[in-house]
Amino acid sequence: MPAVSYHFHFPDGRAETIEAGPQAVADDALLPDWTRLEHSQCPNCPLSSATTPRCPMALQFVKVIARMGPLCSYDEVAVRVDTPARSVTTNTTVQRAIGSLLGLLAAESACPHTAFLKPMAHFHLPFATEEETIYRAASMHLLAQYFIGRQGRAPDWQLAGLKASYKELQSVNGAMANRLRAISSGDGTVNALILLDLLAKALHYSIDDALEEIQSLFVKQA
């Protein structure tokens, strides 16, 4: 996936840079205990600790927790996100900034329940609104159905698979928030995950209504 860097600049002059991308596997003895698969394991997790001793998504989050864990949700931060194609800058809250980063890291992880998000991670849009996310998720899913149809398989044009995937993701986000709540001294990272969970709920329950609202954009004008 294209290299993406998040640069955080805080009012007190402190700066942090976190590179997205697959987390290099460190010495198991050096990894924090909260990355173990059984630690607040997701109720819908299909993995076994016998073959996957560490939670794939937790491994992606280690670098964020180490640097951002103590921050509070509504602390202000200036963020610049660099991708190969462009840079995006904004002034926002810690929870929204970290939420954007965690969403990307989760999609890049080897978690089976985030595999469907890999195309969106490849075309990452930092700080996407709910409307933008619904548009991108639906477009991604429907393009996937086009490729499925070309392979001779039955496509899902009713978005049932997309809704089911986001429903599974709700369980993942909730369990991950519990995992982080026990080890993070601030609430910025946990609330960032809660925001992602709220977005997953919105996509699952209201995607049809949201698409109805933008349908007029695709209707040919007489």
C-alpha atoms as a PDB file:
ATOM      1  CA  MET A   1       0.000   0.000   0.000  1.00  0.00           C
ATOM      2  CA  PRO A   2       1.215   3.586  -0.565  1.00  0.00           C
ATOM      3  CA  ALA A   3       3.281   5.090   2.240  1.00  0.00           C
ATOM      4  CA  VAL A   4       1.255   7.398   4.505  1.00  0.00           C
ATOM      5  CA  SER A   5       2.701   9.547   7.301  1.00  0.00           C
ATOM      6  CA  TYR A   6       0.771  11.341  10.036  1.00  0.00           C
ATOM      7  CA  HIS A   7       2.567  14.359  11.522  1.00  0.00           C
ATOM      8  CA  PHE A   8       1.124  15.700  14.793  1.00  0.00           C
ATOM      9  CA  HIS A   9       2.029  19.177  16.127  1.00  0.00           C
ATOM     10  CA  PHE A  10       0.778  20.061  19.610  1.00  0.00           C
ATOM     11  CA  PRO A  11       0.304  23.542  21.118  1.00  0.00           C
ATOM     12  CA  ASP A  12       3.155  22.938  23.597  1.00  0.00           C
ATOM     13  CA  GLY A  13       5.609  22.508  20.717  1.00  0.00           C
ATOM     14  CA  ARG A  14       5.779  18.721  20.868  1.00  0.00           C
ATOM     15  CA  ALA A  15       5.640  16.862  17.565  1.00  0.00           C
ATOM     16  CA  GLU A  16       5.112  13.218  16.671  1.00  0.00           C
ATOM     17  CA  THR A  17       5.264  11.378  13.359  1.00  0.00           C
ATOM     18  CA  ILE A  18       3.688   7.973  12.852  1.00  0.00           C
ATOM     19  CA  GLU A  19       4.182   6.014   9.664  1.00  0.00           C
ATOM     20  CA  ALA A  20       1.295   3.839   8.594  1.00  0.00           C
ATOM     21  CA  GLY A  21       1.912   0.449   7.080  1.00  0.00           C
ATOM     22  CA  PRO A  22       2.204  -3.133   8.288  1.00  0.00           C
ATOM     23  CA  GLN A  23       3.749  -3.298  11.750  1.00  0.00           C
ATOM     24  CA  ALA A  24       7.084  -5.091  11.828  1.00  0.00           C
ATOM     25  CA  VAL A  25       6.853  -8.049  14.196  1.00  0.00           C
ATOM     26  CA  ALA A  26       8.991  -7.320  17.256  1.00  0.00           C
ATOM     27  CA  ASP A  27      10.513  -9.821  19.646  1.00  0.00           C
ATOM     28  CA  ASP A  28       7.503 -11.448  21.301  1.00  0.00           C
ATOM     29  CA  ALA A  29       8.996 -10.853  24.734  1.00  0.00           C
ATOM     30  CA  LEU A  30       9.079  -7.105  24.078  1.00  0.00           C
ATOM     31  CA  LEU A  31       5.450  -6.787  23.030  1.00  0.00           C
ATOM     32  CA  PRO A  32       2.969  -5.461  25.617  1.00  0.00           C
ATOM     33  CA  ASP A  33       0.635  -7.975  27.233  1.00  0.00           C
ATOM     34  CA  TRP A  34      -2.459  -6.223  25.866  1.00  0.00           C
ATOM     35  CA  THR A  35      -1.524  -7.359  22.348  1.00  0.00           C
ATOM     36  CA  ARG A  36      -2.130 -11.028  23.242  1.00  0.00           C
ATOM     37  CA  LEU A  37      -5.043 -12.442  21.281  1.00  0.00           C
ATOM     38  CA  GLU A  38      -6.907 -13.570  24.421  1.00  0.00           C
ATOM     39  CA  HIS A  39      -6.713 -10.113  26.029  1.00  0.00           C
ATOM     40  CA  SER A  40     -10.287  -8.796  25.555  1.00  0.00           C
ATOM     41  CA  GLN A  41     -10.515 -10.959  22.438  1.00  0.00           C
ATOM     42  CA  CYS A  42     -13.302  -9.962  20.087  1.00  0.00           C
ATOM     43  CA  PRO A  43     -16.380 -12.192  20.537  1.00  0.00           C
ATOM     44  CA  ASN A  44     -16.497 -12.779  16.781  1.00  0.00           C
ATOM     45  CA  CYS A  45     -12.750 -13.387  16.350  1.00  0.00           C
ATOM     46  CA  PRO A  46     -12.109 -16.422  14.116  1.00  0.00           C
ATOM     47  CA  LEU A  47      -8.428 -16.658  15.123  1.00  0.00           C
ATOM     48  CA  SER A  48      -6.845 -19.046  17.602  1.00  0.00           C
ATOM     49  CA  SER A  49      -3.996 -18.183  19.961  1.00  0.00           C
ATOM     50  CA  ALA A  50      -2.392 -21.497  19.009  1.00  0.00           C
ATOM     51  CA  THR A  51      -1.635 -20.140  15.547  1.00  0.00           C
ATOM     52  CA  THR A  52      -1.994 -16.374  16.115  1.00  0.00           C
ATOM     53  CA  PRO A  53      -0.750 -15.507  19.617  1.00  0.00           C
ATOM     54  CA  ARG A  54      -1.042 -11.742  19.072  1.00  0.00           C
ATOM     55  CA  CYS A  55      -4.042  -9.743  17.902  1.00  0.00           C
ATOM     56  CA  PRO A  56      -3.160  -8.458  14.398  1.00  0.00           C
ATOM     57  CA  MET A  57      -4.956  -5.155  14.931  1.00  0.00           C
ATOM     58  CA  ALA A  58      -3.411  -4.607  18.368  1.00  0.00           C
ATOM     59  CA  LEU A  59       0.043  -5.025  16.836  1.00  0.00           C
ATOM     60  CA  GLN A  60      -0.764  -2.187  14.449  1.00  0.00           C
ATOM     61  CA  PHE A  61      -1.821   0.035  17.353  1.00  0.00           C
ATOM     62  CA  VAL A  62       1.277  -0.430  19.547  1.00  0.00           C
ATOM     63  CA  LYS A  63       3.128   2.525  18.052  1.00  0.00           C
ATOM     64  CA  VAL A  64       0.098   4.802  18.469  1.00  0.00           C
ATOM     65  CA  ILE A  65      -0.494   3.848  22.109  1.00  0.00           C
ATOM     66  CA  ALA A  66       3.168   4.304  22.979  1.00  0.00           C
ATOM     67  CA  ARG A  67       3.152   7.899  21.753  1.00  0.00           C
ATOM     68  CA  MET A  68      -0.467   9.033  21.990  1.00  0.00           C
ATOM     69  CA  GLY A  69      -1.961   6.996  24.832  1.00  0.00           C
ATOM     70  CA  PRO A  70      -1.851   9.727  27.526  1.00  0.00           C
ATOM     71  CA  LEU A  71      -3.592  12.374  25.400  1.00  0.00           C
ATOM     72  CA  CYS A  72      -7.104  13.609  26.118  1.00  0.00           C
ATOM     73  CA  SER A  73      -9.869  13.496  23.511  1.00  0.00           C
ATOM     74  CA  TYR A  74     -10.422  17.218  23.105  1.00  0.00           C
ATOM     75  CA  ASP A  75      -6.797  18.326  23.142  1.00  0.00           C
ATOM     76  CA  GLU A  76      -6.131  20.408  20.045  1.00  0.00           C
ATOM     77  CA  VAL A  77      -3.615  19.226  17.477  1.00  0.00           C
ATOM     78  CA  ALA A  78      -2.439  20.334  14.050  1.00  0.00           C
ATOM     79  CA  VAL A  79      -2.057  17.387  11.696  1.00  0.00           C
ATOM     80  CA  ARG A  80      -0.437  16.957   8.303  1.00  0.00           C
ATOM     81  CA  VAL A  81      -0.956  13.695   6.452  1.00  0.00           C
ATOM     82  CA  ASP A  82       1.506  12.976   3.662  1.00  0.00           C
ATOM     83  CA  THR A  83       0.696  10.486   0.916  1.00  0.00           C
ATOM     84  CA  PRO A  84       2.605   9.937  -2.339  1.00  0.00           C
ATOM     85  CA  ALA A  85      -0.011  12.013  -4.180  1.00  0.00           C
ATOM     86  CA  ARG A  86      -0.708  14.894  -1.780  1.00  0.00           C
ATOM     87  CA  SER A  87      -0.560  16.372   1.695  1.00  0.00           C
ATOM     88  CA  VAL A  88      -3.654  17.089   3.795  1.00  0.00           C
ATOM     89  CA  THR A  89      -3.556  19.463   6.761  1.00  0.00           C
ATOM     90  CA  THR A  90      -6.129  20.276   9.417  1.00  0.00           C
ATOM     91  CA  ASN A  91      -6.526  21.588  12.945  1.00  0.00           C
ATOM     92  CA  THR A  92      -8.683  19.203  14.923  1.00  0.00           C
ATOM     93  CA  THR A  93      -9.069  17.268  18.165  1.00  0.00           C
ATOM     94  CA  VAL A  94      -6.896  14.380  19.280  1.00  0.00           C
ATOM     95  CA  GLN A  95      -9.762  11.890  19.050  1.00  0.00           C
ATOM     96  CA  ARG A  96     -10.589  12.788  15.467  1.00  0.00           C
ATOM     97  CA  ALA A  97      -6.938  12.835  14.397  1.00  0.00           C
ATOM     98  CA  ILE A  98      -6.152   9.504  16.016  1.00  0.00           C
ATOM     99  CA  GLY A  99      -9.437   8.073  14.737  1.00  0.00           C
ATOM    100  CA  SER A 100      -8.372   8.763  11.166  1.00  0.00           C
ATOM    101  CA  LEU A 101      -5.005   7.090  11.779  1.00  0.00           C
ATOM    102  CA  LEU A 102      -6.468   4.091  13.631  1.00  0.00           C
ATOM    103  CA  GLY A 103      -8.955   3.508  10.832  1.00  0.00           C
ATOM    104  CA  LEU A 104      -6.083   3.261   8.365  1.00  0.00           C
ATOM    105  CA  LEU A 105      -3.960   1.043  10.630  1.00  0.00           C
ATOM    106  CA  ALA A 106      -6.908  -1.273  11.301  1.00  0.00           C
ATOM    107  CA  ALA A 107      -7.568  -1.663   7.584  1.00  0.00           C
ATOM    108  CA  GLU A 108      -3.895  -2.439   6.969  1.00  0.00           C
ATOM    109  CA  SER A 109      -3.803  -5.080   9.710  1.00  0.00           C
ATOM    110  CA  ALA A 110      -4.217  -8.820   9.217  1.00  0.00           C
ATOM    111  CA  CYS A 111      -7.508  -8.825  11.148  1.00  0.00           C
ATOM    112  CA  PRO A 112      -9.973 -10.945   9.115  1.00  0.00           C
ATOM    113  CA  HIS A 113     -12.800  -8.518   9.875  1.00  0.00           C
ATOM    114  CA  THR A 114     -11.031  -5.521   8.316  1.00  0.00           C
ATOM    115  CA  ALA A 115      -9.871  -7.270   5.130  1.00  0.00           C
ATOM    116  CA  PHE A 116     -12.798  -5.762   3.197  1.00  0.00           C
ATOM    117  CA  LEU A 117     -11.431  -2.265   3.954  1.00  0.00           C
ATOM    118  CA  LYS A 118      -8.062  -2.748   2.237  1.00  0.00           C
ATOM    119  CA  PRO A 119      -9.124  -0.982  -0.998  1.00  0.00           C
ATOM    120  CA  MET A 120     -10.183   2.057   1.052  1.00  0.00           C
ATOM    121  CA  ALA A 121      -6.841   1.985   2.861  1.00  0.00           C
ATOM    122  CA  HIS A 122      -5.046   1.933  -0.488  1.00  0.00           C
ATOM    123  CA  PHE A 123      -6.953   5.096  -1.472  1.00  0.00           C
ATOM    124  CA  HIS A 124      -6.834   6.593   2.020  1.00  0.00           C
ATOM    125  CA  LEU A 125      -8.814   9.795   2.587  1.00  0.00           C
ATOM    126  CA  PRO A 126      -7.761  11.393   5.888  1.00  0.00           C
ATOM    127  CA  PHE A 127     -10.499  12.888   8.090  1.00  0.00           C
ATOM    128  CA  ALA A 128     -13.319  11.664   5.862  1.00  0.00           C
ATOM    129  CA  THR A 129     -16.810  12.737   6.910  1.00  0.00           C
ATOM    130  CA  GLU A 130     -19.582  10.211   7.507  1.00  0.00           C
ATOM    131  CA  GLU A 131     -21.120  11.056   4.129  1.00  0.00           C
ATOM    132  CA  GLU A 132     -17.771  10.641   2.357  1.00  0.00           C
ATOM    133  CA  THR A 133     -17.133   7.335   4.099  1.00  0.00           C
ATOM    134  CA  ILE A 134     -20.545   5.941   3.157  1.00  0.00           C
ATOM    135  CA  TYR A 135     -20.020   7.029  -0.460  1.00  0.00           C
ATOM    136  CA  ARG A 136     -16.547   5.487  -0.585  1.00  0.00           C
ATOM    137  CA  ALA A 137     -17.573   2.256   1.172  1.00  0.00           C
ATOM    138  CA  ALA A 138     -20.580   1.709  -1.101  1.00  0.00           C
ATOM    139  CA  SER A 139     -18.544   2.516  -4.217  1.00  0.00           C
ATOM    140  CA  MET A 140     -15.773   0.137  -3.111  1.00  0.00           C
ATOM    141  CA  HIS A 141     -18.256  -2.657  -2.460  1.00  0.00           C
ATOM    142  CA  LEU A 142     -20.055  -2.230  -5.767  1.00  0.00           C
ATOM    143  CA  LEU A 143     -16.771  -2.199  -7.691  1.00  0.00           C
ATOM    144  CA  ALA A 144     -15.852  -5.430  -5.905  1.00  0.00           C
ATOM    145  CA  GLN A 145     -19.155  -6.918  -7.107  1.00  0.00           C
ATOM    146  CA  TYR A 146     -18.242  -5.953 -10.679  1.00  0.00           C
ATOM    147  CA  PHE A 147     -15.015  -7.944 -10.378  1.00  0.00           C
ATOM    148  CA  ILE A 148     -16.902 -10.832  -8.743  1.00  0.00           C
ATOM    149  CA  GLY A 149     -19.365 -10.857 -11.648  1.00  0.00           C
ATOM    150  CA  ARG A 150     -16.531 -10.958 -14.166  1.00  0.00           C
ATOM    151  CA  GLN A 151     -15.253 -14.082 -12.391  1.00  0.00           C
ATOM    152  CA  GLY A 152     -18.601 -15.791 -12.964  1.00  0.00           C
ATOM    153  CA  ARG A 153     -19.756 -15.556  -9.363  1.00  0.00           C
ATOM    154  CA  ALA A 154     -22.981 -13.991  -8.086  1.00  0.00           C
ATOM    155  CA  PRO A 155     -22.535 -10.296  -7.220  1.00  0.00           C
ATOM    156  CA  ASP A 156     -24.191  -8.630  -4.226  1.00  0.00           C
ATOM    157  CA  TRP A 157     -25.809  -5.504  -5.634  1.00  0.00           C
ATOM    158  CA  GLN A 158     -28.024  -4.984  -2.560  1.00  0.00           C
ATOM    159  CA  LEU A 159     -25.040  -4.229  -0.254  1.00  0.00           C
ATOM    160  CA  ALA A 160     -25.966  -7.085   2.082  1.00  0.00           C
ATOM    161  CA  GLY A 161     -22.335  -8.167   2.374  1.00  0.00           C
ATOM    162  CA  LEU A 162     -21.173  -4.642   3.125  1.00  0.00           C
ATOM    163  CA  LYS A 163     -23.749  -4.220   5.890  1.00  0.00           C
ATOM    164  CA  ALA A 164     -22.788  -7.594   7.362  1.00  0.00           C
ATOM    165  CA  SER A 165     -19.103  -6.658   7.330  1.00  0.00           C
ATOM    166  CA  TYR A 166     -19.766  -3.398   9.169  1.00  0.00           C
ATOM    167  CA  LYS A 167     -21.905  -5.230  11.723  1.00  0.00           C
ATOM    168  CA  GLU A 168     -18.977  -7.551  12.461  1.00  0.00           C
ATOM    169  CA  LEU A 169     -16.714  -4.518  12.683  1.00  0.00           C
ATOM    170  CA  GLN A 170     -18.861  -3.092  15.475  1.00  0.00           C
ATOM    171  CA  SER A 171     -17.923  -6.048  17.690  1.00  0.00           C
ATOM    172  CA  VAL A 172     -14.265  -5.588  16.805  1.00  0.00           C
ATOM    173  CA  ASN A 173     -14.266  -1.871  17.632  1.00  0.00           C
ATOM    174  CA  GLY A 174     -16.030  -2.444  20.947  1.00  0.00           C
ATOM    175  CA  ALA A 175     -13.629  -5.170  22.042  1.00  0.00           C
ATOM    176  CA  MET A 176     -10.610  -3.148  20.941  1.00  0.00           C
ATOM    177  CA  ALA A 177     -11.841  -0.152  22.946  1.00  0.00           C
ATOM    178  CA  ASN A 178     -12.060  -2.417  26.019  1.00  0.00           C
ATOM    179  CA  ARG A 179      -8.558  -3.674  25.298  1.00  0.00           C
ATOM    180  CA  LEU A 180      -7.157  -0.151  25.188  1.00  0.00           C
ATOM    181  CA  ARG A 181      -9.251   1.253  28.032  1.00  0.00           C
ATOM    182  CA  ALA A 182      -7.299  -0.850  30.528  1.00  0.00           C
ATOM    183  CA  ILE A 183      -3.862   0.413  29.490  1.00  0.00           C
ATOM    184  CA  SER A 184      -4.289   3.988  28.219  1.00  0.00           C
ATOM    185  CA  SER A 185      -3.978   6.808  30.776  1.00  0.00           C
ATOM    186  CA  GLY A 186      -5.756   9.292  28.518  1.00  0.00           C
ATOM    187  CA  ASP A 187      -9.036   8.896  26.684  1.00  0.00           C
ATOM    188  CA  GLY A 188      -8.023  10.157  23.256  1.00  0.00           C
ATOM    189  CA  THR A 189      -7.256   6.773  21.726  1.00  0.00           C
ATOM    190  CA  VAL A 190     -10.242   4.991  23.274  1.00  0.00           C
ATOM    191  CA  ASN A 191     -12.650   7.720  22.173  1.00  0.00           C
ATOM    192  CA  ALA A 192     -11.125   7.655  18.707  1.00  0.00           C
ATOM    193  CA  LEU A 193     -12.110   3.995  18.503  1.00  0.00           C
ATOM    194  CA  ILE A 194     -15.564   4.812  19.825  1.00  0.00           C
ATOM    195  CA  LEU A 195     -15.968   7.325  16.998  1.00  0.00           C
ATOM    196  CA  LEU A 196     -15.005   4.610  14.511  1.00  0.00           C
ATOM    197  CA  ASP A 197     -17.552   2.320  16.139  1.00  0.00           C
ATOM    198  CA  LEU A 198     -20.266   4.945  15.818  1.00  0.00           C
ATOM    199  CA  LEU A 199     -19.405   5.277  12.148  1.00  0.00           C
ATOM    200  CA  ALA A 200     -19.588   1.499  11.701  1.00  0.00           C
ATOM    201  CA  LYS A 201     -23.041   1.544  13.323  1.00  0.00           C
ATOM    202  CA  ALA A 202     -24.148   4.379  11.050  1.00  0.00           C
ATOM    203  CA  LEU A 203     -22.997   2.488   7.974  1.00  0.00           C
ATOM    204  CA  HIS A 204     -24.740  -0.693   9.065  1.00  0.00           C
ATOM    205  CA  TYR A 205     -28.070   0.870  10.023  1.00  0.00           C
ATOM    206  CA  SER A 206     -28.455   3.889   7.770  1.00  0.00           C
ATOM    207  CA  ILE A 207     -26.499   3.241   4.592  1.00  0.00           C
ATOM    208  CA  ASP A 208     -29.703   2.925   2.531  1.00  0.00           C
ATOM    209  CA  ASP A 209     -31.023   6.259   3.812  1.00  0.00           C
ATOM    210  CA  ALA A 210     -27.667   7.933   3.254  1.00  0.00           C
ATOM    211  CA  LEU A 211     -27.467   6.692  -0.324  1.00  0.00           C
ATOM    212  CA  GLU A 212     -31.044   7.785  -0.923  1.00  0.00           C
ATOM    213  CA  GLU A 213     -30.002  11.334  -0.019  1.00  0.00           C
ATOM    214  CA  ILE A 214     -27.308  11.434  -2.696  1.00  0.00           C
ATOM    215  CA  GLN A 215     -29.261   9.527  -5.342  1.00  0.00           C
ATOM    216  CA  SER A 216     -30.250  12.748  -7.097  1.00  0.00           C
ATOM    217  CA  LEU A 217     -26.584  13.323  -7.969  1.00  0.00           C
ATOM    218  CA  PHE A 218     -26.720  10.251 -10.229  1.00  0.00           C
ATOM    219  CA  VAL A 219     -30.070  10.894 -11.886  1.00  0.00           C
ATOM    220  CA  LYS A 220     -29.707  12.191 -15.449  1.00  0.00           C
ATOM    221  CA  GLN A 221     -31.284  15.610 -15.720  1.00  0.00           C
ATOM    222  CA  ALA A 222     -33.948  16.009 -18.434  1.00  0.00           C
END
